[in-house]
Amino acid sequence: MVYEFTTKINEILKRHFDNTSVDIFDKSHLLQYINIKTKSVNIGAKARGSFANLYAVYVVVEDYLAK
């Protein structure tokens, strides 16, 4: 599914992975989850779902990168 934030995710993937960016997006369950959870980012505060799960994903990834 394509939402407003989907284009931003694809831009970042394209910048880092160029030709394989579409394949990475299609096969990554984590990116699909982020895409779905961020569909209401620009709609307004009351329409947004809880972003606590996204923050938890962020913390896990940050810890993984920091080793």
PDB file of N, CA and C in Angstrom:
ATOM      1  N   MET A   1       0.826  -1.174   0.000  1.00  0.00           N
ATOM      2  CA  MET A   1       0.000   0.000   0.000  1.00  0.00           C
ATOM      3  C   MET A   1       0.876   1.244   0.000  1.00  0.00           C
ATOM      4  N   VAL A   2       0.398   2.269  -0.634  1.00  0.00           N
ATOM      5  CA  VAL A   2       1.165   3.507  -0.729  1.00  0.00           C
ATOM      6  C   VAL A   2       0.481   4.588   0.094  1.00  0.00           C
ATOM      7  N   TYR A   3       1.213   5.117   1.053  1.00  0.00           N
ATOM      8  CA  TYR A   3       0.746   6.219   1.882  1.00  0.00           C
ATOM      9  C   TYR A   3       1.678   7.404   1.663  1.00  0.00           C
ATOM     10  N   GLU A   4       1.394   8.489   2.331  1.00  0.00           N
ATOM     11  CA  GLU A   4       2.209   9.689   2.139  1.00  0.00           C
ATOM     12  C   GLU A   4       3.663   9.469   2.565  1.00  0.00           C
ATOM     13  N   PHE A   5       3.861   8.729   3.646  1.00  0.00           N
ATOM     14  CA  PHE A   5       5.221   8.504   4.147  1.00  0.00           C
ATOM     15  C   PHE A   5       5.967   7.446   3.337  1.00  0.00           C
ATOM     16  N   THR A   6       5.246   6.682   2.524  1.00  0.00           N
ATOM     17  CA  THR A   6       5.858   5.635   1.694  1.00  0.00           C
ATOM     18  C   THR A   6       6.898   6.225   0.753  1.00  0.00           C
ATOM     19  N   THR A   7       6.611   7.387   0.197  1.00  0.00           N
ATOM     20  CA  THR A   7       7.565   8.014  -0.723  1.00  0.00           C
ATOM     21  C   THR A   7       8.862   8.389  -0.005  1.00  0.00           C
ATOM     22  N   LYS A   8       8.758   8.818   1.245  1.00  0.00           N
ATOM     23  CA  LYS A   8       9.954   9.161   2.022  1.00  0.00           C
ATOM     24  C   LYS A   8      10.788   7.908   2.297  1.00  0.00           C
ATOM     25  N   ILE A   9      10.118   6.821   2.644  1.00  0.00           N
ATOM     26  CA  ILE A   9      10.827   5.550   2.873  1.00  0.00           C
ATOM     27  C   ILE A   9      11.537   5.112   1.594  1.00  0.00           C
ATOM     28  N   ASN A  10      10.852   5.212   0.475  1.00  0.00           N
ATOM     29  CA  ASN A  10      11.452   4.816  -0.804  1.00  0.00           C
ATOM     30  C   ASN A  10      12.606   5.715  -1.206  1.00  0.00           C
ATOM     31  N   GLU A  11      12.515   7.006  -0.905  1.00  0.00           N
ATOM     32  CA  GLU A  11      13.627   7.926  -1.198  1.00  0.00           C
ATOM     33  C   GLU A  11      14.875   7.533  -0.423  1.00  0.00           C
ATOM     34  N   ILE A  12      14.704   7.218   0.847  1.00  0.00           N
ATOM     35  CA  ILE A  12      15.840   6.825   1.682  1.00  0.00           C
ATOM     36  C   ILE A  12      16.451   5.518   1.179  1.00  0.00           C
ATOM     37  N   LEU A  13      15.604   4.562   0.850  1.00  0.00           N
ATOM     38  CA  LEU A  13      16.106   3.291   0.315  1.00  0.00           C
ATOM     39  C   LEU A  13      16.834   3.498  -1.006  1.00  0.00           C
ATOM     40  N   LYS A  14      16.286   4.326  -1.859  1.00  0.00           N
ATOM     41  CA  LYS A  14      16.900   4.597  -3.166  1.00  0.00           C
ATOM     42  C   LYS A  14      18.283   5.231  -2.987  1.00  0.00           C
ATOM     43  N   ARG A  15      18.389   6.135  -2.024  1.00  0.00           N
ATOM     44  CA  ARG A  15      19.657   6.816  -1.769  1.00  0.00           C
ATOM     45  C   ARG A  15      20.735   5.839  -1.307  1.00  0.00           C
ATOM     46  N   HIS A  16      20.338   4.850  -0.512  1.00  0.00           N
ATOM     47  CA  HIS A  16      21.319   3.926   0.055  1.00  0.00           C
ATOM     48  C   HIS A  16      21.510   2.642  -0.749  1.00  0.00           C
ATOM     49  N   PHE A  17      20.461   2.191  -1.456  1.00  0.00           N
ATOM     50  CA  PHE A  17      20.536   0.899  -2.123  1.00  0.00           C
ATOM     51  C   PHE A  17      20.264   0.934  -3.619  1.00  0.00           C
ATOM     52  N   ASP A  18      19.992   2.096  -4.156  1.00  0.00           N
ATOM     53  CA  ASP A  18      19.781   2.346  -5.575  1.00  0.00           C
ATOM     54  C   ASP A  18      18.895   1.311  -6.267  1.00  0.00           C
ATOM     55  N   ASN A  19      19.458   0.419  -7.049  1.00  0.00           N
ATOM     56  CA  ASN A  19      18.671  -0.496  -7.894  1.00  0.00           C
ATOM     57  C   ASN A  19      17.881  -1.547  -7.125  1.00  0.00           C
ATOM     58  N   THR A  20      18.320  -1.883  -5.929  1.00  0.00           N
ATOM     59  CA  THR A  20      17.636  -2.930  -5.168  1.00  0.00           C
ATOM     60  C   THR A  20      16.643  -2.369  -4.159  1.00  0.00           C
ATOM     61  N   SER A  21      16.410  -1.072  -4.171  1.00  0.00           N
ATOM     62  CA  SER A  21      15.554  -0.444  -3.165  1.00  0.00           C
ATOM     63  C   SER A  21      14.117  -0.969  -3.190  1.00  0.00           C
ATOM     64  N   VAL A  22      13.548  -1.168  -4.358  1.00  0.00           N
ATOM     65  CA  VAL A  22      12.168  -1.650  -4.461  1.00  0.00           C
ATOM     66  C   VAL A  22      12.075  -3.082  -3.931  1.00  0.00           C
ATOM     67  N   ASP A  23      13.045  -3.898  -4.265  1.00  0.00           N
ATOM     68  CA  ASP A  23      13.068  -5.277  -3.795  1.00  0.00           C
ATOM     69  C   ASP A  23      13.196  -5.336  -2.269  1.00  0.00           C
ATOM     70  N   ILE A  24      14.035  -4.499  -1.716  1.00  0.00           N
ATOM     71  CA  ILE A  24      14.217  -4.442  -0.265  1.00  0.00           C
ATOM     72  C   ILE A  24      12.918  -4.030   0.412  1.00  0.00           C
ATOM     73  N   PHE A  25      12.268  -3.008  -0.120  1.00  0.00           N
ATOM     74  CA  PHE A  25      11.004  -2.543   0.455  1.00  0.00           C
ATOM     75  C   PHE A  25       9.941  -3.637   0.403  1.00  0.00           C
ATOM     76  N   ASP A  26       9.862  -4.335  -0.703  1.00  0.00           N
ATOM     77  CA  ASP A  26       8.847  -5.379  -0.874  1.00  0.00           C
ATOM     78  C   ASP A  26       9.068  -6.582   0.041  1.00  0.00           C
ATOM     79  N   LYS A  27      10.323  -6.900   0.341  1.00  0.00           N
ATOM     80  CA  LYS A  27      10.633  -8.103   1.111  1.00  0.00           C
ATOM     81  C   LYS A  27      10.831  -7.853   2.606  1.00  0.00           C
ATOM     82  N   SER A  28      10.917  -6.609   3.016  1.00  0.00           N
ATOM     83  CA  SER A  28      11.185  -6.298   4.416  1.00  0.00           C
ATOM     84  C   SER A  28       9.885  -6.173   5.211  1.00  0.00           C
ATOM     85  N   HIS A  29       9.684  -7.089   6.121  1.00  0.00           N
ATOM     86  CA  HIS A  29       8.501  -7.036   6.974  1.00  0.00           C
ATOM     87  C   HIS A  29       8.553  -5.822   7.906  1.00  0.00           C
ATOM     88  N   LEU A  30       9.748  -5.481   8.355  1.00  0.00           N
ATOM     89  CA  LEU A  30       9.899  -4.326   9.238  1.00  0.00           C
ATOM     90  C   LEU A  30       9.529  -3.033   8.518  1.00  0.00           C
ATOM     91  N   LEU A  31       9.981  -2.872   7.279  1.00  0.00           N
ATOM     92  CA  LEU A  31       9.626  -1.665   6.517  1.00  0.00           C
ATOM     93  C   LEU A  31       8.132  -1.632   6.197  1.00  0.00           C
ATOM     94  N   GLN A  32       7.543  -2.781   5.945  1.00  0.00           N
ATOM     95  CA  GLN A  32       6.105  -2.827   5.709  1.00  0.00           C
ATOM     96  C   GLN A  32       5.342  -2.402   6.965  1.00  0.00           C
ATOM     97  N   TYR A  33       5.810  -2.848   8.118  1.00  0.00           N
ATOM     98  CA  TYR A  33       5.194  -2.474   9.394  1.00  0.00           C
ATOM     99  C   TYR A  33       5.308  -0.964   9.622  1.00  0.00           C
ATOM    100  N   ILE A  34       6.494  -0.417   9.401  1.00  0.00           N
ATOM    101  CA  ILE A  34       6.698   1.024   9.562  1.00  0.00           C
ATOM    102  C   ILE A  34       5.821   1.795   8.585  1.00  0.00           C
ATOM    103  N   ASN A  35       5.715   1.314   7.378  1.00  0.00           N
ATOM    104  CA  ASN A  35       4.883   1.963   6.364  1.00  0.00           C
ATOM    105  C   ASN A  35       3.424   2.029   6.815  1.00  0.00           C
ATOM    106  N   ILE A  36       2.909   0.938   7.329  1.00  0.00           N
ATOM    107  CA  ILE A  36       1.514   0.896   7.779  1.00  0.00           C
ATOM    108  C   ILE A  36       1.304   1.769   9.015  1.00  0.00           C
ATOM    109  N   LYS A  37       2.238   1.707   9.952  1.00  0.00           N
ATOM    110  CA  LYS A  37       2.096   2.467  11.191  1.00  0.00           C
ATOM    111  C   LYS A  37       2.236   3.977  10.992  1.00  0.00           C
ATOM    112  N   THR A  38       2.882   4.397   9.913  1.00  0.00           N
ATOM    113  CA  THR A  38       3.085   5.836   9.682  1.00  0.00           C
ATOM    114  C   THR A  38       2.086   6.424   8.695  1.00  0.00           C
ATOM    115  N   LYS A  39       1.036   5.680   8.364  1.00  0.00           N
ATOM    116  CA  LYS A  39       0.094   6.195   7.372  1.00  0.00           C
ATOM    117  C   LYS A  39      -0.658   7.435   7.847  1.00  0.00           C
ATOM    118  N   SER A  40      -0.763   7.648   9.149  1.00  0.00           N
ATOM    119  CA  SER A  40      -1.501   8.803   9.655  1.00  0.00           C
ATOM    120  C   SER A  40      -0.597   9.921  10.159  1.00  0.00           C
ATOM    121  N   VAL A  41       0.647   9.942   9.753  1.00  0.00           N
ATOM    122  CA  VAL A  41       1.604  10.923  10.259  1.00  0.00           C
ATOM    123  C   VAL A  41       1.163  12.357  10.007  1.00  0.00           C
ATOM    124  N   ASN A  42       0.704  12.683   8.837  1.00  0.00           N
ATOM    125  CA  ASN A  42       0.371  14.070   8.504  1.00  0.00           C
ATOM    126  C   ASN A  42      -1.119  14.393   8.588  1.00  0.00           C
ATOM    127  N   ILE A  43      -1.908  13.497   9.132  1.00  0.00           N
ATOM    128  CA  ILE A  43      -3.354  13.733   9.199  1.00  0.00           C
ATOM    129  C   ILE A  43      -3.719  14.633  10.365  1.00  0.00           C
ATOM    130  N   GLY A  44      -3.092  14.484  11.488  1.00  0.00           N
ATOM    131  CA  GLY A  44      -3.393  15.284  12.665  1.00  0.00           C
ATOM    132  C   GLY A  44      -3.214  14.459  13.919  1.00  0.00           C
ATOM    133  N   ALA A  45      -3.092  15.133  15.029  1.00  0.00           N
ATOM    134  CA  ALA A  45      -2.791  14.456  16.290  1.00  0.00           C
ATOM    135  C   ALA A  45      -3.880  13.474  16.702  1.00  0.00           C
ATOM    136  N   LYS A  46      -5.131  13.817  16.495  1.00  0.00           N
ATOM    137  CA  LYS A  46      -6.213  12.930  16.929  1.00  0.00           C
ATOM    138  C   LYS A  46      -6.350  11.700  16.042  1.00  0.00           C
ATOM    139  N   ALA A  47      -5.927  11.780  14.812  1.00  0.00           N
ATOM    140  CA  ALA A  47      -6.051  10.649  13.894  1.00  0.00           C
ATOM    141  C   ALA A  47      -4.896   9.671  14.017  1.00  0.00           C
ATOM    142  N   ARG A  48      -3.832  10.071  14.664  1.00  0.00           N
ATOM    143  CA  ARG A  48      -2.657   9.208  14.767  1.00  0.00           C
ATOM    144  C   ARG A  48      -2.890   8.067  15.726  1.00  0.00           C
ATOM    145  N   GLY A  49      -2.375   6.918  15.325  1.00  0.00           N
ATOM    146  CA  GLY A  49      -2.380   5.781  16.238  1.00  0.00           C
ATOM    147  C   GLY A  49      -1.250   5.945  17.229  1.00  0.00           C
ATOM    148  N   SER A  50      -1.125   5.006  18.088  1.00  0.00           N
ATOM    149  CA  SER A  50      -0.042   5.053  19.057  1.00  0.00           C
ATOM    150  C   SER A  50       1.285   4.791  18.347  1.00  0.00           C
ATOM    151  N   PHE A  51       2.235   5.676  18.570  1.00  0.00           N
ATOM    152  CA  PHE A  51       3.549   5.501  17.969  1.00  0.00           C
ATOM    153  C   PHE A  51       4.523   4.846  18.945  1.00  0.00           C
ATOM    154  N   ALA A  52       4.013   4.333  20.073  1.00  0.00           N
ATOM    155  CA  ALA A  52       4.877   3.687  21.057  1.00  0.00           C
ATOM    156  C   ALA A  52       5.580   2.473  20.464  1.00  0.00           C
ATOM    157  N   ASN A  53       4.883   1.707  19.640  1.00  0.00           N
ATOM    158  CA  ASN A  53       5.499   0.530  19.025  1.00  0.00           C
ATOM    159  C   ASN A  53       6.618   0.930  18.078  1.00  0.00           C
ATOM    160  N   LEU A  54       6.445   2.039  17.370  1.00  0.00           N
ATOM    161  CA  LEU A  54       7.515   2.519  16.489  1.00  0.00           C
ATOM    162  C   LEU A  54       8.726   2.957  17.303  1.00  0.00           C
ATOM    163  N   TYR A  55       8.473   3.564  18.445  1.00  0.00           N
ATOM    164  CA  TYR A  55       9.587   3.975  19.302  1.00  0.00           C
ATOM    165  C   TYR A  55      10.329   2.744  19.823  1.00  0.00           C
ATOM    166  N   ALA A  56       9.604   1.697  20.144  1.00  0.00           N
ATOM    167  CA  ALA A  56      10.245   0.460  20.602  1.00  0.00           C
ATOM    168  C   ALA A  56      11.130  -0.129  19.501  1.00  0.00           C
ATOM    169  N   VAL A  57      10.649  -0.116  18.268  1.00  0.00           N
ATOM    170  CA  VAL A  57      11.453  -0.588  17.135  1.00  0.00           C
ATOM    171  C   VAL A  57      12.706   0.278  16.997  1.00  0.00           C
ATOM    172  N   TYR A  58      12.540   1.584  17.130  1.00  0.00           N
ATOM    173  CA  TYR A  58      13.670   2.515  17.046  1.00  0.00           C
ATOM    174  C   TYR A  58      14.730   2.189  18.097  1.00  0.00           C
ATOM    175  N   VAL A  59      14.303   1.941  19.330  1.00  0.00           N
ATOM    176  CA  VAL A  59      15.235   1.650  20.417  1.00  0.00           C
ATOM    177  C   VAL A  59      15.989   0.356  20.147  1.00  0.00           C
ATOM    178  N   VAL A  60      15.289  -0.659  19.666  1.00  0.00           N
ATOM    179  CA  VAL A  60      15.943  -1.949  19.374  1.00  0.00           C
ATOM    180  C   VAL A  60      16.986  -1.776  18.264  1.00  0.00           C
ATOM    181  N   VAL A  61      16.618  -1.061  17.207  1.00  0.00           N
ATOM    182  CA  VAL A  61      17.550  -0.840  16.100  1.00  0.00           C
ATOM    183  C   VAL A  61      18.738   0.003  16.561  1.00  0.00           C
ATOM    184  N   GLU A  62      18.468   1.031  17.350  1.00  0.00           N
ATOM    185  CA  GLU A  62      19.551   1.877  17.871  1.00  0.00           C
ATOM    186  C   GLU A  62      20.524   1.070  18.716  1.00  0.00           C
ATOM    187  N   ASP A  63      19.994   0.202  19.589  1.00  0.00           N
ATOM    188  CA  ASP A  63      20.852  -0.653  20.399  1.00  0.00           C
ATOM    189  C   ASP A  63      21.652  -1.643  19.549  1.00  0.00           C
ATOM    190  N   TYR A  64      21.010  -2.169  18.512  1.00  0.00           N
ATOM    191  CA  TYR A  64      21.693  -3.095  17.617  1.00  0.00           C
ATOM    192  C   TYR A  64      22.856  -2.408  16.898  1.00  0.00           C
ATOM    193  N   LEU A  65      22.625  -1.193  16.429  1.00  0.00           N
ATOM    194  CA  LEU A  65      23.685  -0.473  15.720  1.00  0.00           C
ATOM    195  C   LEU A  65      24.824  -0.061  16.654  1.00  0.00           C
ATOM    196  N   ALA A  66      24.484   0.224  17.905  1.00  0.00           N
ATOM    197  CA  ALA A  66      25.503   0.591  18.885  1.00  0.00           C
ATOM    198  C   ALA A  66      26.249  -0.634  19.427  1.00  0.00           C
ATOM    199  N   LYS A  67      25.709  -1.808  19.153  1.00  0.00           N
ATOM    200  CA  LYS A  67      26.258  -3.105  19.604  1.00  0.00           C
ATOM    201  C   LYS A  67      26.207  -3.199  21.108  1.00  0.00           C
TER     202      LYS A  67
END
